[in-house]
Amino acid sequence: MPDSRLLHRWPSRRSCWSRLRRSRYLTGRFRWLGALALAAFTLMATFLVNRFWEMAPPNRMPTANAFFEHLGLVGGFLLVASSDR
């Protein structure tokens, strides 16, 4: 049986939910920062993983397609970051 003094330290469900609703991350205040972070990560991962210029011709086309697809995602993230600021 837990000590009753410890139970009073835990916030109620209602106060936890109200804190969560007021959170900055759910309101979209820093959406531009998240979009920039995703763009940077995607760009870095794209250049590290999809090196189509070093591959043999049979594997080059699908990897090049994935490379340029991810560059399109980076462009979309940058568009969100620029329009949200």
Foldseek 3Di string as FASTA:
>chain_A
DDDPVVVVVDDDPVVVVVVVVPDPVVVCPCLLVVLQVVLVVLLVVLVVPLPLVPDDVVPNVVSVVVSVVSVVSSVVSNVCNVVSD
